[in-house]
Amino acid sequence: TALAVPTAQWGHPMCGPASVRGFVTGERHGVGLTALGWASVGVL
């Protein structure tokens, strides 16, 4: 089981809601960390 932590993105001017969504969904840069096949993924 995994928890995804997007917090660092809010502190960087090149990041925002769209990039946070890409991380959480695993869609950014192809297959991201959250899309590796975990039993479950939550957001912290």
Full PDB file with SEQRES, HELIX, SHEET, SSBOND, CRYST1, ORIGX, SCALE, CONECT and MASTER records, all heavy atoms in Angstrom:
SEQRES   1 A   44  THR ALA LEU ALA VAL PRO THR ALA GLN TRP GLY HIS PRO          
SEQRES   2 A   44  MET CYS GLY PRO ALA SER VAL ARG GLY PHE VAL THR GLY          
SEQRES   3 A   44  GLU ARG HIS GLY VAL GLY LEU THR ALA LEU GLY TRP ALA          
SEQRES   4 A   44  SER VAL GLY VAL LEU                                          
HELIX    1 AA1 THR A    7  GLY A   11  5                                   5    
HELIX    2 AA2 PRO A   17  THR A   25  1                                   9    
HELIX    3 AA3 LEU A   33  ALA A   35  5                                   3    
SHEET    1 AA1 2 ALA A   2  ALA A   4  0                                        
SHEET    2 AA1 2 VAL A  41  VAL A  43  1                                        
CRYST1    1.000    1.000    1.000  90.00  90.00  90.00 P 1           1          
ORIGX1      1.000000  0.000000  0.000000        0.00000                         
ORIGX2      0.000000  1.000000  0.000000        0.00000                         
ORIGX3      0.000000  0.000000  1.000000        0.00000                         
SCALE1      1.000000  0.000000  0.000000        0.00000                         
SCALE2      0.000000  1.000000  0.000000        0.00000                         
SCALE3      0.000000  0.000000  1.000000        0.00000                         
ATOM      1  N   THR A   1       0.839  -1.193   0.000  1.00  0.00           N  
ATOM      2  CA  THR A   1       0.000   0.000   0.000  1.00  0.00           C  
ATOM      3  C   THR A   1       0.870   1.239   0.000  1.00  0.00           C  
ATOM      4  O   THR A   1       1.906   1.291   0.663  1.00  0.00           O  
ATOM      5  CB  THR A   1      -0.924   0.029   1.226  1.00  0.00           C  
ATOM      6  OG1 THR A   1      -0.121   0.024   2.413  1.00  0.00           O  
ATOM      7  CG2 THR A   1      -1.837  -1.186   1.237  1.00  0.00           C  
ATOM      8  N   ALA A   2       0.441   2.250  -0.755  1.00  0.00           N  
ATOM      9  CA  ALA A   2       1.241   3.453  -0.943  1.00  0.00           C  
ATOM     10  C   ALA A   2       0.452   4.705  -0.582  1.00  0.00           C  
ATOM     11  O   ALA A   2      -0.773   4.762  -0.753  1.00  0.00           O  
ATOM     12  CB  ALA A   2       1.714   3.544  -2.393  1.00  0.00           C  
ATOM     13  N   LEU A   3       1.184   5.717  -0.103  1.00  0.00           N  
ATOM     14  CA  LEU A   3       0.655   7.065   0.059  1.00  0.00           C  
ATOM     15  C   LEU A   3       1.466   8.002  -0.814  1.00  0.00           C  
ATOM     16  O   LEU A   3       2.705   8.009  -0.745  1.00  0.00           O  
ATOM     17  CB  LEU A   3       0.719   7.518   1.513  1.00  0.00           C  
ATOM     18  CG  LEU A   3      -0.269   6.896   2.493  1.00  0.00           C  
ATOM     19  CD1 LEU A   3      -0.006   7.413   3.905  1.00  0.00           C  
ATOM     20  CD2 LEU A   3      -1.703   7.181   2.085  1.00  0.00           C  
ATOM     21  N   ALA A   4       0.796   8.770  -1.639  1.00  0.00           N  
ATOM     22  CA  ALA A   4       1.446   9.738  -2.523  1.00  0.00           C  
ATOM     23  C   ALA A   4       1.449  11.106  -1.856  1.00  0.00           C  
ATOM     24  O   ALA A   4       0.411  11.581  -1.378  1.00  0.00           O  
ATOM     25  CB  ALA A   4       0.708   9.802  -3.858  1.00  0.00           C  
ATOM     26  N   VAL A   5       2.616  11.750  -1.838  1.00  0.00           N  
ATOM     27  CA  VAL A   5       2.782  13.048  -1.175  1.00  0.00           C  
ATOM     28  C   VAL A   5       3.135  14.089  -2.236  1.00  0.00           C  
ATOM     29  O   VAL A   5       4.289  14.177  -2.678  1.00  0.00           O  
ATOM     30  CB  VAL A   5       3.885  12.978  -0.102  1.00  0.00           C  
ATOM     31  CG1 VAL A   5       4.012  14.324   0.608  1.00  0.00           C  
ATOM     32  CG2 VAL A   5       3.605  11.858   0.904  1.00  0.00           C  
ATOM     33  N   PRO A   6       2.178  14.934  -2.647  1.00  0.00           N  
ATOM     34  CA  PRO A   6       2.437  15.932  -3.684  1.00  0.00           C  
ATOM     35  C   PRO A   6       2.894  17.290  -3.162  1.00  0.00           C  
ATOM     36  O   PRO A   6       3.116  18.220  -3.944  1.00  0.00           O  
ATOM     37  CB  PRO A   6       1.068  16.075  -4.351  1.00  0.00           C  
ATOM     38  CG  PRO A   6       0.104  15.889  -3.219  1.00  0.00           C  
ATOM     39  CD  PRO A   6       0.748  14.866  -2.300  1.00  0.00           C  
ATOM     40  N   THR A   7       3.068  17.435  -1.859  1.00  0.00           N  
ATOM     41  CA  THR A   7       3.201  18.748  -1.206  1.00  0.00           C  
ATOM     42  C   THR A   7       4.279  19.636  -1.806  1.00  0.00           C  
ATOM     43  O   THR A   7       4.092  20.860  -1.932  1.00  0.00           O  
ATOM     44  CB  THR A   7       3.458  18.550   0.296  1.00  0.00           C  
ATOM     45  OG1 THR A   7       2.398  17.758   0.847  1.00  0.00           O  
ATOM     46  CG2 THR A   7       3.533  19.880   1.016  1.00  0.00           C  
ATOM     47  N   ALA A   8       5.427  19.080  -2.166  1.00  0.00           N  
ATOM     48  CA  ALA A   8       6.536  19.901  -2.663  1.00  0.00           C  
ATOM     49  C   ALA A   8       6.152  20.722  -3.884  1.00  0.00           C  
ATOM     50  O   ALA A   8       6.716  21.796  -4.123  1.00  0.00           O  
ATOM     51  CB  ALA A   8       7.739  19.018  -2.991  1.00  0.00           C  
ATOM     52  N   GLN A   9       5.185  20.229  -4.653  1.00  0.00           N  
ATOM     53  CA  GLN A   9       4.803  20.938  -5.874  1.00  0.00           C  
ATOM     54  C   GLN A   9       4.251  22.330  -5.590  1.00  0.00           C  
ATOM     55  O   GLN A   9       4.487  23.267  -6.367  1.00  0.00           O  
ATOM     56  CB  GLN A   9       3.775  20.120  -6.660  1.00  0.00           C  
ATOM     57  CG  GLN A   9       4.320  18.868  -7.298  1.00  0.00           C  
ATOM     58  CD  GLN A   9       3.549  18.508  -8.547  1.00  0.00           C  
ATOM     59  OE1 GLN A   9       3.101  19.375  -9.300  1.00  0.00           O  
ATOM     60  NE2 GLN A   9       3.378  17.225  -8.764  1.00  0.00           N  
ATOM     61  N   TRP A  10       3.535  22.485  -4.486  1.00  0.00           N  
ATOM     62  CA  TRP A  10       2.903  23.785  -4.209  1.00  0.00           C  
ATOM     63  C   TRP A  10       3.931  24.881  -3.966  1.00  0.00           C  
ATOM     64  O   TRP A  10       3.622  26.069  -4.109  1.00  0.00           O  
ATOM     65  CB  TRP A  10       1.966  23.667  -3.008  1.00  0.00           C  
ATOM     66  CG  TRP A  10       0.910  22.634  -3.167  1.00  0.00           C  
ATOM     67  CD1 TRP A  10       0.706  21.531  -2.378  1.00  0.00           C  
ATOM     68  CD2 TRP A  10      -0.111  22.572  -4.178  1.00  0.00           C  
ATOM     69  NE1 TRP A  10      -0.362  20.800  -2.834  1.00  0.00           N  
ATOM     70  CE2 TRP A  10      -0.881  21.409  -3.934  1.00  0.00           C  
ATOM     71  CE3 TRP A  10      -0.442  23.379  -5.270  1.00  0.00           C  
ATOM     72  CZ2 TRP A  10      -1.956  21.037  -4.740  1.00  0.00           C  
ATOM     73  CZ3 TRP A  10      -1.519  23.005  -6.082  1.00  0.00           C  
ATOM     74  CH2 TRP A  10      -2.258  21.859  -5.806  1.00  0.00           C  
ATOM     75  N   GLY A  11       5.156  24.517  -3.633  1.00  0.00           N  
ATOM     76  CA  GLY A  11       6.182  25.509  -3.367  1.00  0.00           C  
ATOM     77  C   GLY A  11       6.996  25.908  -4.578  1.00  0.00           C  
ATOM     78  O   GLY A  11       7.890  26.749  -4.465  1.00  0.00           O  
ATOM     79  N   HIS A  12       6.714  25.325  -5.739  1.00  0.00           N  
ATOM     80  CA  HIS A  12       7.520  25.603  -6.931  1.00  0.00           C  
ATOM     81  C   HIS A  12       6.682  26.313  -7.987  1.00  0.00           C  
ATOM     82  O   HIS A  12       5.584  25.857  -8.322  1.00  0.00           O  
ATOM     83  CB  HIS A  12       8.078  24.309  -7.510  1.00  0.00           C  
ATOM     84  CG  HIS A  12       9.256  24.518  -8.406  1.00  0.00           C  
ATOM     85  ND1 HIS A  12       9.146  25.107  -9.646  1.00  0.00           N  
ATOM     86  CD2 HIS A  12      10.570  24.229  -8.240  1.00  0.00           C  
ATOM     87  CE1 HIS A  12      10.342  25.160 -10.213  1.00  0.00           C  
ATOM     88  NE2 HIS A  12      11.226  24.642  -9.379  1.00  0.00           N  
ATOM     89  N   PRO A  13       7.158  27.420  -8.539  1.00  0.00           N  
ATOM     90  CA  PRO A  13       6.339  28.189  -9.496  1.00  0.00           C  
ATOM     91  C   PRO A  13       6.051  27.468 -10.809  1.00  0.00           C  
ATOM     92  O   PRO A  13       5.145  27.865 -11.532  1.00  0.00           O  
ATOM     93  CB  PRO A  13       7.184  29.457  -9.743  1.00  0.00           C  
ATOM     94  CG  PRO A  13       8.574  29.075  -9.377  1.00  0.00           C  
ATOM     95  CD  PRO A  13       8.444  28.085  -8.256  1.00  0.00           C  
ATOM     96  N   MET A  14       6.780  26.406 -11.125  1.00  0.00           N  
ATOM     97  CA  MET A  14       6.519  25.668 -12.359  1.00  0.00           C  
ATOM     98  C   MET A  14       5.471  24.586 -12.171  1.00  0.00           C  
ATOM     99  O   MET A  14       5.105  23.907 -13.138  1.00  0.00           O  
ATOM    100  CB  MET A  14       7.821  25.055 -12.885  1.00  0.00           C  
ATOM    101  CG  MET A  14       8.855  26.066 -13.345  1.00  0.00           C  
ATOM    102  SD  MET A  14      10.364  25.293 -13.982  1.00  0.00           S  
ATOM    103  CE  MET A  14       9.713  24.421 -15.417  1.00  0.00           C  
ATOM    104  N   CYS A  15       4.999  24.406 -10.944  1.00  0.00           N  
ATOM    105  CA  CYS A  15       4.013  23.356 -10.645  1.00  0.00           C  
ATOM    106  C   CYS A  15       2.664  23.981 -10.303  1.00  0.00           C  
ATOM    107  O   CYS A  15       2.571  25.169 -10.016  1.00  0.00           O  
ATOM    108  CB  CYS A  15       4.492  22.496  -9.483  1.00  0.00           C  
ATOM    109  SG  CYS A  15       6.091  21.701  -9.742  1.00  0.00           S  
ATOM    110  N   GLY A  16       1.631  23.159 -10.335  1.00  0.00           N  
ATOM    111  CA  GLY A  16       0.289  23.645 -10.022  1.00  0.00           C  
ATOM    112  C   GLY A  16      -0.719  22.521 -10.061  1.00  0.00           C  
ATOM    113  O   GLY A  16      -0.345  21.337 -10.060  1.00  0.00           O  
ATOM    114  N   PRO A  17      -2.002  22.845 -10.092  1.00  0.00           N  
ATOM    115  CA  PRO A  17      -3.039  21.815 -10.026  1.00  0.00           C  
ATOM    116  C   PRO A  17      -2.916  20.729 -11.087  1.00  0.00           C  
ATOM    117  O   PRO A  17      -3.149  19.547 -10.799  1.00  0.00           O  
ATOM    118  CB  PRO A  17      -4.339  22.615 -10.208  1.00  0.00           C  
ATOM    119  CG  PRO A  17      -4.007  23.971  -9.678  1.00  0.00           C  
ATOM    120  CD  PRO A  17      -2.576  24.210 -10.064  1.00  0.00           C  
ATOM    121  N   ALA A  18      -2.552  21.099 -12.312  1.00  0.00           N  
ATOM    122  CA  ALA A  18      -2.466  20.098 -13.374  1.00  0.00           C  
ATOM    123  C   ALA A  18      -1.317  19.125 -13.125  1.00  0.00           C  
ATOM    124  O   ALA A  18      -1.464  17.906 -13.323  1.00  0.00           O  
ATOM    125  CB  ALA A  18      -2.300  20.778 -14.733  1.00  0.00           C  
ATOM    126  N   SER A  19      -0.166  19.644 -12.690  1.00  0.00           N  
ATOM    127  CA  SER A  19       0.961  18.748 -12.447  1.00  0.00           C  
ATOM    128  C   SER A  19       0.730  17.882 -11.214  1.00  0.00           C  
ATOM    129  O   SER A  19       1.162  16.725 -11.172  1.00  0.00           O  
ATOM    130  CB  SER A  19       2.261  19.551 -12.312  1.00  0.00           C  
ATOM    131  OG  SER A  19       2.195  20.465 -11.237  1.00  0.00           O  
ATOM    132  N   VAL A  20       0.049  18.422 -10.210  1.00  0.00           N  
ATOM    133  CA  VAL A  20      -0.300  17.612  -9.044  1.00  0.00           C  
ATOM    134  C   VAL A  20      -1.213  16.469  -9.456  1.00  0.00           C  
ATOM    135  O   VAL A  20      -1.022  15.317  -9.045  1.00  0.00           O  
ATOM    136  CB  VAL A  20      -0.955  18.477  -7.947  1.00  0.00           C  
ATOM    137  CG1 VAL A  20      -1.565  17.600  -6.865  1.00  0.00           C  
ATOM    138  CG2 VAL A  20       0.071  19.422  -7.334  1.00  0.00           C  
ATOM    139  N   ARG A  21      -2.188  16.785 -10.294  1.00  0.00           N  
ATOM    140  CA  ARG A  21      -3.085  15.729 -10.769  1.00  0.00           C  
ATOM    141  C   ARG A  21      -2.302  14.660 -11.540  1.00  0.00           C  
ATOM    142  O   ARG A  21      -2.541  13.450 -11.385  1.00  0.00           O  
ATOM    143  CB  ARG A  21      -4.179  16.307 -11.673  1.00  0.00           C  
ATOM    144  CG  ARG A  21      -5.135  15.253 -12.222  1.00  0.00           C  
ATOM    145  CD  ARG A  21      -6.115  15.820 -13.235  1.00  0.00           C  
ATOM    146  NE  ARG A  21      -7.028  14.799 -13.707  1.00  0.00           N  
ATOM    147  CZ  ARG A  21      -6.750  13.911 -14.659  1.00  0.00           C  
ATOM    148  NH1 ARG A  21      -5.547  13.909 -15.221  1.00  0.00           N  
ATOM    149  NH2 ARG A  21      -7.636  13.006 -15.016  1.00  0.00           N  
ATOM    150  N   GLY A  22      -1.356  15.095 -12.364  1.00  0.00           N  
ATOM    151  CA  GLY A  22      -0.571  14.143 -13.129  1.00  0.00           C  
ATOM    152  C   GLY A  22       0.220  13.198 -12.243  1.00  0.00           C  
ATOM    153  O   GLY A  22       0.349  12.008 -12.550  1.00  0.00           O  
ATOM    154  N   PHE A  23       0.745  13.725 -11.135  1.00  0.00           N  
ATOM    155  CA  PHE A  23       1.466  12.872 -10.193  1.00  0.00           C  
ATOM    156  C   PHE A  23       0.524  11.903  -9.504  1.00  0.00           C  
ATOM    157  O   PHE A  23       0.790  10.694  -9.435  1.00  0.00           O  
ATOM    158  CB  PHE A  23       2.180  13.735  -9.154  1.00  0.00           C  
ATOM    159  CG  PHE A  23       2.681  12.967  -7.963  1.00  0.00           C  
ATOM    160  CD1 PHE A  23       3.658  12.001  -8.110  1.00  0.00           C  
ATOM    161  CD2 PHE A  23       2.176  13.225  -6.689  1.00  0.00           C  
ATOM    162  CE1 PHE A  23       4.124  11.282  -6.996  1.00  0.00           C  
ATOM    163  CE2 PHE A  23       2.633  12.519  -5.591  1.00  0.00           C  
ATOM    164  CZ  PHE A  23       3.603  11.547  -5.745  1.00  0.00           C  
ATOM    165  N   VAL A  24      -0.589  12.412  -9.000  1.00  0.00           N  
ATOM    166  CA  VAL A  24      -1.506  11.575  -8.236  1.00  0.00           C  
ATOM    167  C   VAL A  24      -2.085  10.458  -9.105  1.00  0.00           C  
ATOM    168  O   VAL A  24      -2.218   9.308  -8.661  1.00  0.00           O  
ATOM    169  CB  VAL A  24      -2.624  12.437  -7.621  1.00  0.00           C  
ATOM    170  CG1 VAL A  24      -3.726  11.563  -7.024  1.00  0.00           C  
ATOM    171  CG2 VAL A  24      -2.044  13.363  -6.552  1.00  0.00           C  
ATOM    172  N   THR A  25      -2.411  10.762 -10.351  1.00  0.00           N  
ATOM    173  CA  THR A  25      -3.007   9.758 -11.233  1.00  0.00           C  
ATOM    174  C   THR A  25      -1.975   8.866 -11.898  1.00  0.00           C  
ATOM    175  O   THR A  25      -2.327   7.829 -12.471  1.00  0.00           O  
ATOM    176  CB  THR A  25      -3.837  10.432 -12.337  1.00  0.00           C  
ATOM    177  OG1 THR A  25      -2.975  11.263 -13.136  1.00  0.00           O  
ATOM    178  CG2 THR A  25      -4.955  11.277 -11.736  1.00  0.00           C  
ATOM    179  N   GLY A  26      -0.709   9.253 -11.854  1.00  0.00           N  
ATOM    180  CA  GLY A  26       0.326   8.469 -12.504  1.00  0.00           C  
ATOM    181  C   GLY A  26       0.456   8.717 -13.981  1.00  0.00           C  
ATOM    182  O   GLY A  26       1.178   8.002 -14.677  1.00  0.00           O  
ATOM    183  N   GLU A  27      -0.201   9.761 -14.475  1.00  0.00           N  
ATOM    184  CA  GLU A  27      -0.215  10.018 -15.912  1.00  0.00           C  
ATOM    185  C   GLU A  27       0.959  10.862 -16.384  1.00  0.00           C  
ATOM    186  O   GLU A  27       1.230  10.928 -17.577  1.00  0.00           O  
ATOM    187  CB  GLU A  27      -1.520  10.729 -16.293  1.00  0.00           C  
ATOM    188  CG  GLU A  27      -2.759   9.877 -16.049  1.00  0.00           C  
ATOM    189  CD  GLU A  27      -4.043  10.676 -16.225  1.00  0.00           C  
ATOM    190  OE1 GLU A  27      -3.942  11.896 -16.502  1.00  0.00           O  
ATOM    191  OE2 GLU A  27      -5.122  10.095 -16.073  1.00  0.00           O  
ATOM    192  N   ARG A  28       1.647  11.534 -15.452  1.00  0.00           N  
ATOM    193  CA  ARG A  28       2.741  12.396 -15.849  1.00  0.00           C  
ATOM    194  C   ARG A  28       3.942  11.574 -16.282  1.00  0.00           C  
ATOM    195  O   ARG A  28       4.319  10.610 -15.635  1.00  0.00           O  
ATOM    196  CB  ARG A  28       3.138  13.304 -14.683  1.00  0.00           C  
ATOM    197  CG  ARG A  28       4.044  14.465 -15.086  1.00  0.00           C  
ATOM    198  CD  ARG A  28       4.425  15.296 -13.886  1.00  0.00           C  
ATOM    199  NE  ARG A  28       5.324  14.560 -13.011  1.00  0.00           N  
ATOM    200  CZ  ARG A  28       5.381  14.732 -11.698  1.00  0.00           C  
ATOM    201  NH1 ARG A  28       4.585  15.588 -11.109  1.00  0.00           N  
ATOM    202  NH2 ARG A  28       6.225  14.041 -10.969  1.00  0.00           N  
ATOM    203  N   HIS A  29       4.560  11.974 -17.397  1.00  0.00           N  
ATOM    204  CA  HIS A  29       5.746  11.287 -17.918  1.00  0.00           C  
ATOM    205  C   HIS A  29       5.466   9.801 -18.151  1.00  0.00           C  
ATOM    206  O   HIS A  29       6.282   8.931 -17.810  1.00  0.00           O  
ATOM    207  CB  HIS A  29       6.928  11.445 -16.973  1.00  0.00           C  
ATOM    208  CG  HIS A  29       7.244  12.862 -16.621  1.00  0.00           C  
ATOM    209  ND1 HIS A  29       7.299  13.864 -17.570  1.00  0.00           N  
ATOM    210  CD2 HIS A  29       7.509  13.450 -15.431  1.00  0.00           C  
ATOM    211  CE1 HIS A  29       7.606  15.008 -16.970  1.00  0.00           C  
ATOM    212  NE2 HIS A  29       7.726  14.793 -15.682  1.00  0.00           N  
ATOM    213  N   GLY A  30       4.310   9.493 -18.736  1.00  0.00           N  
ATOM    214  CA  GLY A  30       3.990   8.091 -18.985  1.00  0.00           C  
ATOM    215  C   GLY A  30       3.464   7.435 -17.725  1.00  0.00           C  
ATOM    216  O   GLY A  30       2.512   7.904 -17.122  1.00  0.00           O  
ATOM    217  N   VAL A  31       4.121   6.362 -17.315  1.00  0.00           N  
ATOM    218  CA  VAL A  31       3.695   5.638 -16.114  1.00  0.00           C  
ATOM    219  C   VAL A  31       4.468   6.185 -14.920  1.00  0.00           C  
ATOM    220  O   VAL A  31       5.671   5.992 -14.792  1.00  0.00           O  
ATOM    221  CB  VAL A  31       3.935   4.124 -16.253  1.00  0.00           C  
ATOM    222  CG1 VAL A  31       3.554   3.415 -14.967  1.00  0.00           C  
ATOM    223  CG2 VAL A  31       3.137   3.570 -17.413  1.00  0.00           C  
ATOM    224  N   GLY A  32       3.772   6.890 -14.028  1.00  0.00           N  
ATOM    225  CA  GLY A  32       4.412   7.491 -12.869  1.00  0.00           C  
ATOM    226  C   GLY A  32       4.414   6.575 -11.666  1.00  0.00           C  
ATOM    227  O   GLY A  32       3.962   5.416 -11.718  1.00  0.00           O  
ATOM    228  N   LEU A  33       4.891   7.098 -10.542  1.00  0.00           N  
ATOM    229  CA  LEU A  33       5.041   6.295  -9.331  1.00  0.00           C  
ATOM    230  C   LEU A  33       3.745   5.663  -8.868  1.00  0.00           C  
ATOM    231  O   LEU A  33       3.730   4.529  -8.392  1.00  0.00           O  
ATOM    232  CB  LEU A  33       5.601   7.156  -8.205  1.00  0.00           C  
ATOM    233  CG  LEU A  33       7.068   7.556  -8.258  1.00  0.00           C  
ATOM    234  CD1 LEU A  33       7.434   8.334  -7.002  1.00  0.00           C  
ATOM    235  CD2 LEU A  33       7.961   6.346  -8.413  1.00  0.00           C  
ATOM    236  N   THR A  34       2.657   6.396  -8.961  1.00  0.00           N  
ATOM    237  CA  THR A  34       1.398   5.874  -8.441  1.00  0.00           C  
ATOM    238  C   THR A  34       0.780   4.820  -9.347  1.00  0.00           C  
ATOM    239  O   THR A  34      -0.184   4.163  -8.948  1.00  0.00           O  
ATOM    240  CB  THR A  34       0.380   7.010  -8.230  1.00  0.00           C  
ATOM    241  OG1 THR A  34       0.138   7.652  -9.490  1.00  0.00           O  
ATOM    242  CG2 THR A  34       0.904   8.029  -7.234  1.00  0.00           C  
ATOM    243  N   ALA A  35       1.313   4.639 -10.542  1.00  0.00           N  
ATOM    244  CA  ALA A  35       0.762   3.684 -11.507  1.00  0.00           C  
ATOM    245  C   ALA A  35       1.627   2.440 -11.663  1.00  0.00           C  
ATOM    246  O   ALA A  35       1.567   1.760 -12.682  1.00  0.00           O  
ATOM    247  CB  ALA A  35       0.585   4.364 -12.870  1.00  0.00           C  
ATOM    248  N   LEU A  36       2.429   2.123 -10.642  1.00  0.00           N  
ATOM    249  CA  LEU A  36       3.320   0.967 -10.733  1.00  0.00           C  
ATOM    250  C   LEU A  36       2.627  -0.347 -10.419  1.00  0.00           C  
ATOM    251  O   LEU A  36       3.235  -1.411 -10.577  1.00  0.00           O  
ATOM    252  CB  LEU A  36       4.510   1.155  -9.778  1.00  0.00           C  
ATOM    253  CG  LEU A  36       5.473   2.290 -10.135  1.00  0.00           C  
ATOM    254  CD1 LEU A  36       6.544   2.422  -9.048  1.00  0.00           C  
ATOM    255  CD2 LEU A  36       6.118   2.053 -11.484  1.00  0.00           C  
ATOM    256  N   GLY A  37       1.369  -0.283  -9.967  1.00  0.00           N  
ATOM    257  CA  GLY A  37       0.635  -1.512  -9.684  1.00  0.00           C  
ATOM    258  C   GLY A  37       0.467  -1.813  -8.210  1.00  0.00           C  
ATOM    259  O   GLY A  37       0.369  -2.979  -7.808  1.00  0.00           O  
ATOM    260  N   TRP A  38       0.402  -0.771  -7.384  1.00  0.00           N  
ATOM    261  CA  TRP A  38       0.240  -0.944  -5.947  1.00  0.00           C  
ATOM    262  C   TRP A  38      -1.102  -1.587  -5.604  1.00  0.00           C  
ATOM    263  O   TRP A  38      -2.077  -1.435  -6.343  1.00  0.00           O  
ATOM    264  CB  TRP A  38       0.342   0.405  -5.244  1.00  0.00           C  
ATOM    265  CG  TRP A  38       1.587   1.153  -5.563  1.00  0.00           C  
ATOM    266  CD1 TRP A  38       1.728   2.194  -6.439  1.00  0.00           C  
ATOM    267  CD2 TRP A  38       2.893   0.908  -5.035  1.00  0.00           C  
ATOM    268  NE1 TRP A  38       3.033   2.615  -6.479  1.00  0.00           N  
ATOM    269  CE2 TRP A  38       3.778   1.846  -5.636  1.00  0.00           C  
ATOM    270  CE3 TRP A  38       3.414  -0.017  -4.108  1.00  0.00           C  
ATOM    271  CZ2 TRP A  38       5.133   1.883  -5.337  1.00  0.00           C  
ATOM    272  CZ3 TRP A  38       4.766   0.033  -3.804  1.00  0.00           C  
ATOM    273  CH2 TRP A  38       5.610   0.967  -4.418  1.00  0.00           C  
ATOM    274  N   ALA A  39      -1.163  -2.249  -4.444  1.00  0.00           N  
ATOM    275  CA  ALA A  39      -2.432  -2.792  -3.968  1.00  0.00           C  
ATOM    276  C   ALA A  39      -3.436  -1.670  -3.725  1.00  0.00           C  
ATOM    277  O   ALA A  39      -4.636  -1.822  -3.984  1.00  0.00           O  
ATOM    278  CB  ALA A  39      -2.220  -3.589  -2.685  1.00  0.00           C  
ATOM    279  N   SER A  40      -2.953  -0.533  -3.240  1.00  0.00           N  
ATOM    280  CA  SER A  40      -3.792   0.658  -3.086  1.00  0.00           C  
ATOM    281  C   SER A  40      -2.894   1.875  -3.045  1.00  0.00           C  
ATOM    282  O   SER A  40      -1.718   1.790  -2.670  1.00  0.00           O  
ATOM    283  CB  SER A  40      -4.647   0.594  -1.817  1.00  0.00           C  
ATOM    284  OG  SER A  40      -3.834   0.690  -0.659  1.00  0.00           O  
ATOM    285  N   VAL A  41      -3.451   3.024  -3.432  1.00  0.00           N  
ATOM    286  CA  VAL A  41      -2.736   4.290  -3.402  1.00  0.00           C  
ATOM    287  C   VAL A  41      -3.647   5.350  -2.796  1.00  0.00           C  
ATOM    288  O   VAL A  41      -4.784   5.523  -3.245  1.00  0.00           O  
ATOM    289  CB  VAL A  41      -2.292   4.754  -4.805  1.00  0.00           C  
ATOM    290  CG1 VAL A  41      -1.548   6.087  -4.710  1.00  0.00           C  
ATOM    291  CG2 VAL A  41      -1.411   3.713  -5.472  1.00  0.00           C  
ATOM    292  N   GLY A  42      -3.167   6.041  -1.787  1.00  0.00           N  
ATOM    293  CA  GLY A  42      -3.880   7.179  -1.221  1.00  0.00           C  
ATOM    294  C   GLY A  42      -3.038   8.429  -1.369  1.00  0.00           C  
ATOM    295  O   GLY A  42      -1.885   8.375  -1.798  1.00  0.00           O  
ATOM    296  N   VAL A  43      -3.617   9.574  -1.020  1.00  0.00           N  
ATOM    297  CA  VAL A  43      -2.917  10.856  -1.105  1.00  0.00           C  
ATOM    298  C   VAL A  43      -2.748  11.411   0.302  1.00  0.00           C  
ATOM    299  O   VAL A  43      -3.710  11.473   1.075  1.00  0.00           O  
ATOM    300  CB  VAL A  43      -3.685  11.859  -1.984  1.00  0.00           C  
ATOM    301  CG1 VAL A  43      -2.981  13.217  -1.983  1.00  0.00           C  
ATOM    302  CG2 VAL A  43      -3.823  11.327  -3.408  1.00  0.00           C  
ATOM    303  N   LEU A  44      -1.525  11.819   0.623  1.00  0.00           N  
ATOM    304  CA  LEU A  44      -1.227  12.435   1.912  1.00  0.00           C  
ATOM    305  C   LEU A  44      -0.744  13.851   1.635  1.00  0.00           C  
ATOM    306  O   LEU A  44       0.384  14.063   1.198  1.00  0.00           O  
ATOM    307  CB  LEU A  44      -0.146  11.642   2.647  1.00  0.00           C  
ATOM    308  CG  LEU A  44       0.152  12.099   4.073  1.00  0.00           C  
ATOM    309  CD1 LEU A  44      -1.004  11.722   5.001  1.00  0.00           C  
ATOM    310  CD2 LEU A  44       1.461  11.495   4.571  1.00  0.00           C  
TER     311      LEU A  44                                                      
MASTER        0    0    0    3    2    0    0    6  310    1    0    4          
END                                                                             
